[in-house]
Amino acid sequence: MSRLGIIAGGGALPRQIADLSRSQGRDVFIVALEGYTDLKTVEGYSHAWVRLGAVGEMLAHLRAGAVSDLVLAGPVRRPSLADLRPDLTAMNLLRKFGKKAFGDDGLLSSILETLEDEGFSIVGADTLLGSVFAAPGLIGAHSPDYQARGDIERGSKVLMALSDVDVGQATVVQEGLVLGVEAIEGTDELLKRCGALQREGLGGVLVKFRKFGQDNRVDLPTIGVKTIRAAARAGLRGVAIEADGTMVLEREDVVREADELGLFVIAIEITT
């Protein structure tokens, strides 16, 4: 079985992929990104720490690690160009892709194209983890009421409209008011920000979907226990995700946490 390379961002997803792959008899090599990857992610695995802008060094480690298949897993906050400190390889990529590299999807598609040109086969995290997508319907004991369903519909329309301009995968809506849209900060920071913006009345809803036309091999929307806890701290009543398009990590724990906190979690089908 070929060796799997993991370019690891933050969160639990990279370690989950590594552990499952090892349990299936597959060797793993992890490229850990300085300032993003948790230390626990690489414990017990062959790995190399690399600065995000050091693309040449990253490729060299992957080649030296005899990696064939490659997965990008875990969130990485987009740095400024000054913070990125791109090496020569990265600078050449920025020149090559130009404006295309400045949107989230444009940047990711440029990275995937580069890695494929280097001979790596890119696989999606979902293909490695198995049934991590939610089927349509409730995930847990609580259901959205009429107002919450209206907020879900409003949030869905907002995300559909933003898909064309390549901005975010999530929004928070309360009683029809859009409290915030995910941008460069990520979902956790969106929830923190919107918690302070909530009005009197019924709590809002987090809506999280893929962008239309998104490459499913990278940056799929994901929720886990951390998402549920952050939504509860923000005063929200529930979370709506895209059925068959959003990964649910630690599913049993998500259900238990949501039930205990009184939040609904629902997966809905998106029609264009």
C-alpha atoms as a PDB file:
ATOM      1  CA  MET A   1       0.000   0.000   0.000  1.00  0.00           C
ATOM      2  CA  SER A   2       1.392   3.396  -0.982  1.00  0.00           C
ATOM      3  CA  ARG A   3       2.546   5.851   1.663  1.00  0.00           C
ATOM      4  CA  LEU A   4       0.050   8.565   2.549  1.00  0.00           C
ATOM      5  CA  GLY A   5       1.231  12.123   3.041  1.00  0.00           C
ATOM      6  CA  ILE A   6      -0.836  14.476   5.200  1.00  0.00           C
ATOM      7  CA  ILE A   7      -0.384  18.234   4.987  1.00  0.00           C
ATOM      8  CA  ALA A   8      -1.788  18.993   8.415  1.00  0.00           C
ATOM      9  CA  GLY A   9      -3.563  22.160   9.440  1.00  0.00           C
ATOM     10  CA  GLY A  10      -5.188  22.613  12.828  1.00  0.00           C
ATOM     11  CA  GLY A  11      -7.814  20.601  14.680  1.00  0.00           C
ATOM     12  CA  ALA A  12      -8.361  16.886  15.145  1.00  0.00           C
ATOM     13  CA  LEU A  13      -8.949  15.868  11.514  1.00  0.00           C
ATOM     14  CA  PRO A  14      -5.294  15.251  10.466  1.00  0.00           C
ATOM     15  CA  ARG A  15      -4.692  12.942  13.447  1.00  0.00           C
ATOM     16  CA  GLN A  16      -7.933  11.053  12.801  1.00  0.00           C
ATOM     17  CA  ILE A  17      -6.861  10.406   9.221  1.00  0.00           C
ATOM     18  CA  ALA A  18      -3.396   9.313  10.338  1.00  0.00           C
ATOM     19  CA  ASP A  19      -4.711   6.920  13.004  1.00  0.00           C
ATOM     20  CA  LEU A  20      -7.303   5.352  10.720  1.00  0.00           C
ATOM     21  CA  SER A  21      -4.784   4.919   7.907  1.00  0.00           C
ATOM     22  CA  ARG A  22      -2.293   3.282  10.257  1.00  0.00           C
ATOM     23  CA  SER A  23      -5.002   0.918  11.586  1.00  0.00           C
ATOM     24  CA  GLN A  24      -5.564  -0.158   7.967  1.00  0.00           C
ATOM     25  CA  GLY A  25      -1.880  -1.000   7.590  1.00  0.00           C
ATOM     26  CA  ARG A  26      -0.881   2.117   5.704  1.00  0.00           C
ATOM     27  CA  ASP A  27       2.298   4.070   6.407  1.00  0.00           C
ATOM     28  CA  VAL A  28       1.876   7.800   7.026  1.00  0.00           C
ATOM     29  CA  PHE A  29       4.107  10.855   6.722  1.00  0.00           C
ATOM     30  CA  ILE A  30       2.895  14.190   8.125  1.00  0.00           C
ATOM     31  CA  VAL A  31       3.946  17.663   7.028  1.00  0.00           C
ATOM     32  CA  ALA A  32       3.122  19.791  10.071  1.00  0.00           C
ATOM     33  CA  LEU A  33       2.601  23.509   9.483  1.00  0.00           C
ATOM     34  CA  GLU A  34       4.298  25.736  12.029  1.00  0.00           C
ATOM     35  CA  GLY A  35       1.762  27.757  13.994  1.00  0.00           C
ATOM     36  CA  TYR A  36      -1.200  25.653  12.832  1.00  0.00           C
ATOM     37  CA  THR A  37      -0.673  21.942  13.504  1.00  0.00           C
ATOM     38  CA  ASP A  38      -1.263  20.658  17.033  1.00  0.00           C
ATOM     39  CA  LEU A  39       1.726  18.956  18.640  1.00  0.00           C
ATOM     40  CA  LYS A  40      -0.438  15.905  19.398  1.00  0.00           C
ATOM     41  CA  THR A  41      -1.071  15.421  15.678  1.00  0.00           C
ATOM     42  CA  VAL A  42       2.470  14.231  14.924  1.00  0.00           C
ATOM     43  CA  GLU A  43       3.189  12.165  18.049  1.00  0.00           C
ATOM     44  CA  GLY A  44       4.366   8.708  16.996  1.00  0.00           C
ATOM     45  CA  TYR A  45       4.466   9.515  13.274  1.00  0.00           C
ATOM     46  CA  SER A  46       7.221  10.319  10.802  1.00  0.00           C
ATOM     47  CA  HIS A  47       6.895  14.032  10.226  1.00  0.00           C
ATOM     48  CA  ALA A  48       8.545  17.315   9.325  1.00  0.00           C
ATOM     49  CA  TRP A  49       7.720  20.821  10.537  1.00  0.00           C
ATOM     50  CA  VAL A  50       7.523  23.397   7.758  1.00  0.00           C
ATOM     51  CA  ARG A  51       6.692  27.087   7.614  1.00  0.00           C
ATOM     52  CA  LEU A  52       3.581  27.710   5.509  1.00  0.00           C
ATOM     53  CA  GLY A  53       5.406  29.865   2.968  1.00  0.00           C
ATOM     54  CA  ALA A  54       8.285  27.397   2.533  1.00  0.00           C
ATOM     55  CA  VAL A  55       6.728  25.516  -0.374  1.00  0.00           C
ATOM     56  CA  GLY A  56      10.043  24.309  -1.776  1.00  0.00           C
ATOM     57  CA  GLU A  57      10.998  22.753   1.569  1.00  0.00           C
ATOM     58  CA  MET A  58       7.565  21.165   1.871  1.00  0.00           C
ATOM     59  CA  LEU A  59       7.865  19.510  -1.550  1.00  0.00           C
ATOM     60  CA  ALA A  60      11.352  18.293  -0.704  1.00  0.00           C
ATOM     61  CA  HIS A  61      10.113  16.626   2.508  1.00  0.00           C
ATOM     62  CA  LEU A  62       7.250  14.946   0.651  1.00  0.00           C
ATOM     63  CA  ARG A  63       9.614  13.582  -1.984  1.00  0.00           C
ATOM     64  CA  ALA A  64      12.116  12.418   0.641  1.00  0.00           C
ATOM     65  CA  GLY A  65       9.251  10.773   2.533  1.00  0.00           C
ATOM     66  CA  ALA A  66       8.391   8.702  -0.558  1.00  0.00           C
ATOM     67  CA  VAL A  67       4.817   9.960  -0.503  1.00  0.00           C
ATOM     68  CA  SER A  68       2.520   9.122  -3.410  1.00  0.00           C
ATOM     69  CA  ASP A  69      -1.002   9.939  -2.225  1.00  0.00           C
ATOM     70  CA  LEU A  70      -1.543  13.245  -0.456  1.00  0.00           C
ATOM     71  CA  VAL A  71      -4.381  14.708   1.607  1.00  0.00           C
ATOM     72  CA  LEU A  72      -4.773  18.282   2.866  1.00  0.00           C
ATOM     73  CA  ALA A  73      -6.608  18.249   6.187  1.00  0.00           C
ATOM     74  CA  GLY A  74      -7.410  20.730   8.936  1.00  0.00           C
ATOM     75  CA  PRO A  75      -8.049  24.480   8.903  1.00  0.00           C
ATOM     76  CA  VAL A  76      -5.305  26.958   8.028  1.00  0.00           C
ATOM     77  CA  ARG A  77      -5.954  30.662   8.533  1.00  0.00           C
ATOM     78  CA  ARG A  78      -4.911  32.695   5.498  1.00  0.00           C
ATOM     79  CA  PRO A  79      -1.867  34.806   6.428  1.00  0.00           C
ATOM     80  CA  SER A  80      -0.952  38.167   4.972  1.00  0.00           C
ATOM     81  CA  LEU A  81       1.778  38.157   2.345  1.00  0.00           C
ATOM     82  CA  ALA A  82       4.189  39.623   4.919  1.00  0.00           C
ATOM     83  CA  ASP A  83       3.419  36.849   7.415  1.00  0.00           C
ATOM     84  CA  LEU A  84       3.586  34.190   4.692  1.00  0.00           C
ATOM     85  CA  ARG A  85       7.200  35.065   3.822  1.00  0.00           C
ATOM     86  CA  PRO A  86       7.042  33.037   0.587  1.00  0.00           C
ATOM     87  CA  ASP A  87      10.174  31.265  -0.553  1.00  0.00           C
ATOM     88  CA  LEU A  88      11.257  31.292  -4.201  1.00  0.00           C
ATOM     89  CA  THR A  89       8.970  28.381  -5.095  1.00  0.00           C
ATOM     90  CA  ALA A  90       5.992  30.082  -3.464  1.00  0.00           C
ATOM     91  CA  MET A  91       6.782  33.391  -5.178  1.00  0.00           C
ATOM     92  CA  ASN A  92       6.881  31.641  -8.541  1.00  0.00           C
ATOM     93  CA  LEU A  93       3.471  30.117  -7.824  1.00  0.00           C
ATOM     94  CA  LEU A  94       1.997  33.493  -6.885  1.00  0.00           C
ATOM     95  CA  ARG A  95       3.318  34.943 -10.144  1.00  0.00           C
ATOM     96  CA  LYS A  96       2.026  31.974 -12.131  1.00  0.00           C
ATOM     97  CA  PHE A  97      -1.542  32.035 -10.819  1.00  0.00           C
ATOM     98  CA  GLY A  98      -1.857  35.785 -10.292  1.00  0.00           C
ATOM     99  CA  LYS A  99      -5.270  37.029  -9.132  1.00  0.00           C
ATOM    100  CA  LYS A 100      -6.616  33.462  -9.107  1.00  0.00           C
ATOM    101  CA  ALA A 101      -4.581  32.780  -5.957  1.00  0.00           C
ATOM    102  CA  PHE A 102      -6.278  35.446  -3.854  1.00  0.00           C
ATOM    103  CA  GLY A 103      -9.707  33.849  -3.360  1.00  0.00           C
ATOM    104  CA  ASP A 104     -10.052  30.854  -1.033  1.00  0.00           C
ATOM    105  CA  ASP A 105     -11.101  28.410  -3.752  1.00  0.00           C
ATOM    106  CA  GLY A 106      -8.724  29.963  -6.275  1.00  0.00           C
ATOM    107  CA  LEU A 107      -5.799  29.543  -3.917  1.00  0.00           C
ATOM    108  CA  LEU A 108      -6.722  25.966  -3.065  1.00  0.00           C
ATOM    109  CA  SER A 109      -7.203  24.976  -6.693  1.00  0.00           C
ATOM    110  CA  SER A 110      -3.806  26.515  -7.474  1.00  0.00           C
ATOM    111  CA  ILE A 111      -2.202  24.476  -4.674  1.00  0.00           C
ATOM    112  CA  LEU A 112      -3.858  21.277  -5.879  1.00  0.00           C
ATOM    113  CA  GLU A 113      -2.735  21.916  -9.460  1.00  0.00           C
ATOM    114  CA  THR A 114       0.833  22.495  -8.282  1.00  0.00           C
ATOM    115  CA  LEU A 115       0.914  19.319  -6.178  1.00  0.00           C
ATOM    116  CA  GLU A 116      -0.493  17.265  -9.050  1.00  0.00           C
ATOM    117  CA  ASP A 117       2.102  18.738 -11.407  1.00  0.00           C
ATOM    118  CA  GLU A 118       4.720  17.515  -8.924  1.00  0.00           C
ATOM    119  CA  GLY A 119       3.392  13.963  -9.319  1.00  0.00           C
ATOM    120  CA  PHE A 120       1.279  13.593  -6.166  1.00  0.00           C
ATOM    121  CA  SER A 121      -2.198  12.069  -6.262  1.00  0.00           C
ATOM    122  CA  ILE A 122      -4.565  14.241  -4.189  1.00  0.00           C
ATOM    123  CA  VAL A 123      -7.278  12.420  -2.256  1.00  0.00           C
ATOM    124  CA  GLY A 124     -10.161  13.851  -0.247  1.00  0.00           C
ATOM    125  CA  ALA A 125     -10.347  13.440   3.514  1.00  0.00           C
ATOM    126  CA  ASP A 126     -13.862  12.047   3.155  1.00  0.00           C
ATOM    127  CA  THR A 127     -12.635   9.160   0.979  1.00  0.00           C
ATOM    128  CA  LEU A 128     -10.194   8.153   3.720  1.00  0.00           C
ATOM    129  CA  LEU A 129     -12.566   8.464   6.663  1.00  0.00           C
ATOM    130  CA  GLY A 130     -15.584   6.659   5.210  1.00  0.00           C
ATOM    131  CA  SER A 131     -19.126   7.734   6.130  1.00  0.00           C
ATOM    132  CA  VAL A 132     -18.443  11.145   7.683  1.00  0.00           C
ATOM    133  CA  PHE A 133     -21.115  12.994   5.705  1.00  0.00           C
ATOM    134  CA  ALA A 134     -24.516  13.462   7.292  1.00  0.00           C
ATOM    135  CA  ALA A 135     -27.614  12.086   5.584  1.00  0.00           C
ATOM    136  CA  PRO A 136     -30.577  14.468   5.343  1.00  0.00           C
ATOM    137  CA  GLY A 137     -32.448  14.924   8.603  1.00  0.00           C
ATOM    138  CA  LEU A 138     -31.904  15.518  12.290  1.00  0.00           C
ATOM    139  CA  ILE A 139     -28.662  14.640  14.047  1.00  0.00           C
ATOM    140  CA  GLY A 140     -29.771  14.358  17.650  1.00  0.00           C
ATOM    141  CA  ALA A 141     -32.926  14.859  19.682  1.00  0.00           C
ATOM    142  CA  HIS A 142     -33.808  18.528  19.120  1.00  0.00           C
ATOM    143  CA  SER A 143     -35.626  20.017  16.126  1.00  0.00           C
ATOM    144  CA  PRO A 144     -35.645  23.547  14.682  1.00  0.00           C
ATOM    145  CA  ASP A 145     -38.926  25.415  15.192  1.00  0.00           C
ATOM    146  CA  TYR A 146     -40.649  27.609  12.613  1.00  0.00           C
ATOM    147  CA  GLN A 147     -38.423  30.643  13.305  1.00  0.00           C
ATOM    148  CA  ALA A 148     -35.230  28.583  13.166  1.00  0.00           C
ATOM    149  CA  ARG A 149     -36.272  27.038   9.861  1.00  0.00           C
ATOM    150  CA  GLY A 150     -36.790  30.536   8.505  1.00  0.00           C
ATOM    151  CA  ASP A 151     -33.283  31.476   9.633  1.00  0.00           C
ATOM    152  CA  ILE A 152     -31.882  28.360   7.970  1.00  0.00           C
ATOM    153  CA  GLU A 153     -33.594  29.307   4.707  1.00  0.00           C
ATOM    154  CA  ARG A 154     -32.257  32.865   4.988  1.00  0.00           C
ATOM    155  CA  GLY A 155     -28.737  31.622   5.709  1.00  0.00           C
ATOM    156  CA  SER A 156     -28.918  29.214   2.765  1.00  0.00           C
ATOM    157  CA  LYS A 157     -29.753  32.044   0.390  1.00  0.00           C
ATOM    158  CA  VAL A 158     -26.907  34.173   1.770  1.00  0.00           C
ATOM    159  CA  LEU A 159     -24.356  31.381   1.245  1.00  0.00           C
ATOM    160  CA  MET A 160     -25.656  30.669  -2.258  1.00  0.00           C
ATOM    161  CA  ALA A 161     -25.254  34.338  -3.159  1.00  0.00           C
ATOM    162  CA  LEU A 162     -21.727  34.488  -1.728  1.00  0.00           C
ATOM    163  CA  SER A 163     -20.605  31.316  -3.493  1.00  0.00           C
ATOM    164  CA  ASP A 164     -19.929  33.174  -6.740  1.00  0.00           C
ATOM    165  CA  VAL A 165     -17.559  35.633  -5.029  1.00  0.00           C
ATOM    166  CA  ASP A 166     -15.616  32.901  -3.163  1.00  0.00           C
ATOM    167  CA  VAL A 167     -16.270  34.088   0.408  1.00  0.00           C
ATOM    168  CA  GLY A 168     -16.750  31.736   3.360  1.00  0.00           C
ATOM    169  CA  GLN A 169     -18.768  28.606   4.021  1.00  0.00           C
ATOM    170  CA  ALA A 170     -20.827  29.729   7.016  1.00  0.00           C
ATOM    171  CA  THR A 171     -23.174  32.423   8.246  1.00  0.00           C
ATOM    172  CA  VAL A 172     -25.090  33.164  11.459  1.00  0.00           C
ATOM    173  CA  VAL A 173     -28.682  34.355  11.192  1.00  0.00           C
ATOM    174  CA  GLN A 174     -30.988  35.453  14.025  1.00  0.00           C
ATOM    175  CA  GLU A 175     -34.668  36.106  13.354  1.00  0.00           C
ATOM    176  CA  GLY A 176     -33.891  36.922   9.731  1.00  0.00           C
ATOM    177  CA  LEU A 177     -30.941  39.211  10.516  1.00  0.00           C
ATOM    178  CA  VAL A 178     -27.519  38.197   9.217  1.00  0.00           C
ATOM    179  CA  LEU A 179     -25.215  38.652  12.209  1.00  0.00           C
ATOM    180  CA  GLY A 180     -22.075  37.595  10.398  1.00  0.00           C
ATOM    181  CA  VAL A 181     -20.555  35.784   7.445  1.00  0.00           C
ATOM    182  CA  GLU A 182     -17.441  33.644   7.679  1.00  0.00           C
ATOM    183  CA  ALA A 183     -14.470  35.223   5.975  1.00  0.00           C
ATOM    184  CA  ILE A 184     -10.779  34.815   6.715  1.00  0.00           C
ATOM    185  CA  GLU A 185     -11.313  34.218  10.454  1.00  0.00           C
ATOM    186  CA  GLY A 186     -12.953  30.780  10.246  1.00  0.00           C
ATOM    187  CA  THR A 187     -16.088  29.395  11.882  1.00  0.00           C
ATOM    188  CA  ASP A 188     -14.911  29.474  15.499  1.00  0.00           C
ATOM    189  CA  GLU A 189     -14.086  33.174  15.343  1.00  0.00           C
ATOM    190  CA  LEU A 190     -17.306  33.868  13.444  1.00  0.00           C
ATOM    191  CA  LEU A 191     -19.278  32.322  16.302  1.00  0.00           C
ATOM    192  CA  LYS A 192     -17.327  34.277  18.894  1.00  0.00           C
ATOM    193  CA  ARG A 193     -17.965  37.515  17.028  1.00  0.00           C
ATOM    194  CA  CYS A 194     -21.674  36.836  16.496  1.00  0.00           C
ATOM    195  CA  GLY A 195     -22.227  35.912  20.119  1.00  0.00           C
ATOM    196  CA  ALA A 196     -21.610  39.553  21.019  1.00  0.00           C
ATOM    197  CA  LEU A 197     -23.945  40.749  18.235  1.00  0.00           C
ATOM    198  CA  GLN A 198     -27.058  38.758  19.132  1.00  0.00           C
ATOM    199  CA  ARG A 199     -30.235  40.686  19.828  1.00  0.00           C
ATOM    200  CA  GLU A 200     -32.884  40.077  22.476  1.00  0.00           C
ATOM    201  CA  GLY A 201     -35.161  37.196  21.576  1.00  0.00           C
ATOM    202  CA  LEU A 202     -34.705  33.731  20.145  1.00  0.00           C
ATOM    203  CA  GLY A 203     -31.129  32.652  19.536  1.00  0.00           C
ATOM    204  CA  GLY A 204     -29.668  32.465  16.067  1.00  0.00           C
ATOM    205  CA  VAL A 205     -28.598  29.615  13.803  1.00  0.00           C
ATOM    206  CA  LEU A 206     -25.246  28.662  12.270  1.00  0.00           C
ATOM    207  CA  VAL A 207     -25.614  27.592   8.629  1.00  0.00           C
ATOM    208  CA  LYS A 208     -22.618  25.878   7.009  1.00  0.00           C
ATOM    209  CA  PHE A 209     -22.398  24.637   3.386  1.00  0.00           C
ATOM    210  CA  ARG A 210     -19.920  23.973   0.618  1.00  0.00           C
ATOM    211  CA  LYS A 211     -19.469  26.614  -2.033  1.00  0.00           C
ATOM    212  CA  PHE A 212     -20.892  25.690  -5.409  1.00  0.00           C
ATOM    213  CA  GLY A 213     -18.263  24.177  -7.668  1.00  0.00           C
ATOM    214  CA  GLN A 214     -15.877  23.596  -4.760  1.00  0.00           C
ATOM    215  CA  ASP A 215     -13.257  20.894  -5.183  1.00  0.00           C
ATOM    216  CA  ASN A 216     -14.304  18.178  -2.729  1.00  0.00           C
ATOM    217  CA  ARG A 217     -10.737  17.062  -2.154  1.00  0.00           C
ATOM    218  CA  VAL A 218      -9.909  20.020   0.054  1.00  0.00           C
ATOM    219  CA  ASP A 219     -11.451  22.390   2.598  1.00  0.00           C
ATOM    220  CA  LEU A 220     -14.779  20.619   2.936  1.00  0.00           C
ATOM    221  CA  PRO A 221     -16.952  22.235   5.604  1.00  0.00           C
ATOM    222  CA  THR A 222     -16.631  20.352   8.874  1.00  0.00           C
ATOM    223  CA  ILE A 223     -18.269  20.382  12.291  1.00  0.00           C
ATOM    224  CA  GLY A 224     -17.334  18.619  15.506  1.00  0.00           C
ATOM    225  CA  VAL A 225     -17.838  18.880  19.245  1.00  0.00           C
ATOM    226  CA  LYS A 226     -15.867  22.119  19.302  1.00  0.00           C
ATOM    227  CA  THR A 227     -18.363  23.662  16.859  1.00  0.00           C
ATOM    228  CA  ILE A 228     -21.340  22.679  19.009  1.00  0.00           C
ATOM    229  CA  ARG A 229     -19.767  24.096  22.150  1.00  0.00           C
ATOM    230  CA  ALA A 230     -18.851  27.341  20.391  1.00  0.00           C
ATOM    231  CA  ALA A 231     -22.398  27.678  19.039  1.00  0.00           C
ATOM    232  CA  ALA A 232     -23.807  27.190  22.535  1.00  0.00           C
ATOM    233  CA  ARG A 233     -21.429  29.783  24.011  1.00  0.00           C
ATOM    234  CA  ALA A 234     -22.568  32.219  21.317  1.00  0.00           C
ATOM    235  CA  GLY A 235     -26.186  31.744  22.393  1.00  0.00           C
ATOM    236  CA  LEU A 236     -27.300  29.969  19.229  1.00  0.00           C
ATOM    237  CA  ARG A 237     -30.143  27.485  19.134  1.00  0.00           C
ATOM    238  CA  GLY A 238     -28.799  25.192  16.498  1.00  0.00           C
ATOM    239  CA  VAL A 239     -26.615  24.304  13.527  1.00  0.00           C
ATOM    240  CA  ALA A 240     -27.694  23.516   9.957  1.00  0.00           C
ATOM    241  CA  ILE A 241     -25.278  21.792   7.599  1.00  0.00           C
ATOM    242  CA  GLU A 242     -25.351  20.528   4.044  1.00  0.00           C
ATOM    243  CA  ALA A 243     -26.446  16.912   3.780  1.00  0.00           C
ATOM    244  CA  ASP A 244     -23.835  14.792   1.998  1.00  0.00           C
ATOM    245  CA  GLY A 245     -21.528  17.813   1.835  1.00  0.00           C
ATOM    246  CA  THR A 246     -20.409  18.653   5.389  1.00  0.00           C
ATOM    247  CA  MET A 247     -18.197  16.323   7.402  1.00  0.00           C
ATOM    248  CA  VAL A 248     -19.355  15.494  10.931  1.00  0.00           C
ATOM    249  CA  LEU A 249     -16.381  14.464  13.058  1.00  0.00           C
ATOM    250  CA  GLU A 250     -16.818  12.637  16.370  1.00  0.00           C
ATOM    251  CA  ARG A 251     -20.456  12.090  15.433  1.00  0.00           C
ATOM    252  CA  GLU A 252     -21.549  10.335  18.636  1.00  0.00           C
ATOM    253  CA  ASP A 253     -19.929  13.050  20.736  1.00  0.00           C
ATOM    254  CA  VAL A 254     -21.566  15.741  18.587  1.00  0.00           C
ATOM    255  CA  VAL A 255     -24.996  14.187  19.180  1.00  0.00           C
ATOM    256  CA  ARG A 256     -24.423  13.827  22.916  1.00  0.00           C
ATOM    257  CA  GLU A 257     -23.106  17.383  23.282  1.00  0.00           C
ATOM    258  CA  ALA A 258     -25.907  18.932  21.223  1.00  0.00           C
ATOM    259  CA  ASP A 259     -28.574  17.005  23.122  1.00  0.00           C
ATOM    260  CA  GLU A 260     -27.150  18.010  26.492  1.00  0.00           C
ATOM    261  CA  LEU A 261     -26.820  21.674  25.477  1.00  0.00           C
ATOM    262  CA  GLY A 262     -30.287  21.786  23.918  1.00  0.00           C
ATOM    263  CA  LEU A 263     -29.112  22.593  20.388  1.00  0.00           C
ATOM    264  CA  PHE A 264     -30.540  21.113  17.221  1.00  0.00           C
ATOM    265  CA  VAL A 265     -28.258  19.861  14.457  1.00  0.00           C
ATOM    266  CA  ILE A 266     -29.871  19.242  11.107  1.00  0.00           C
ATOM    267  CA  ALA A 267     -28.539  18.242   7.682  1.00  0.00           C
ATOM    268  CA  ILE A 268     -30.479  19.675   4.756  1.00  0.00           C
ATOM    269  CA  GLU A 269     -30.382  19.065   1.018  1.00  0.00           C
ATOM    270  CA  ILE A 270     -29.348  22.045  -1.112  1.00  0.00           C
ATOM    271  CA  THR A 271     -30.988  22.693  -4.436  1.00  0.00           C
ATOM    272  CA  THR A 272     -29.662  25.300  -6.853  1.00  0.00           C
END
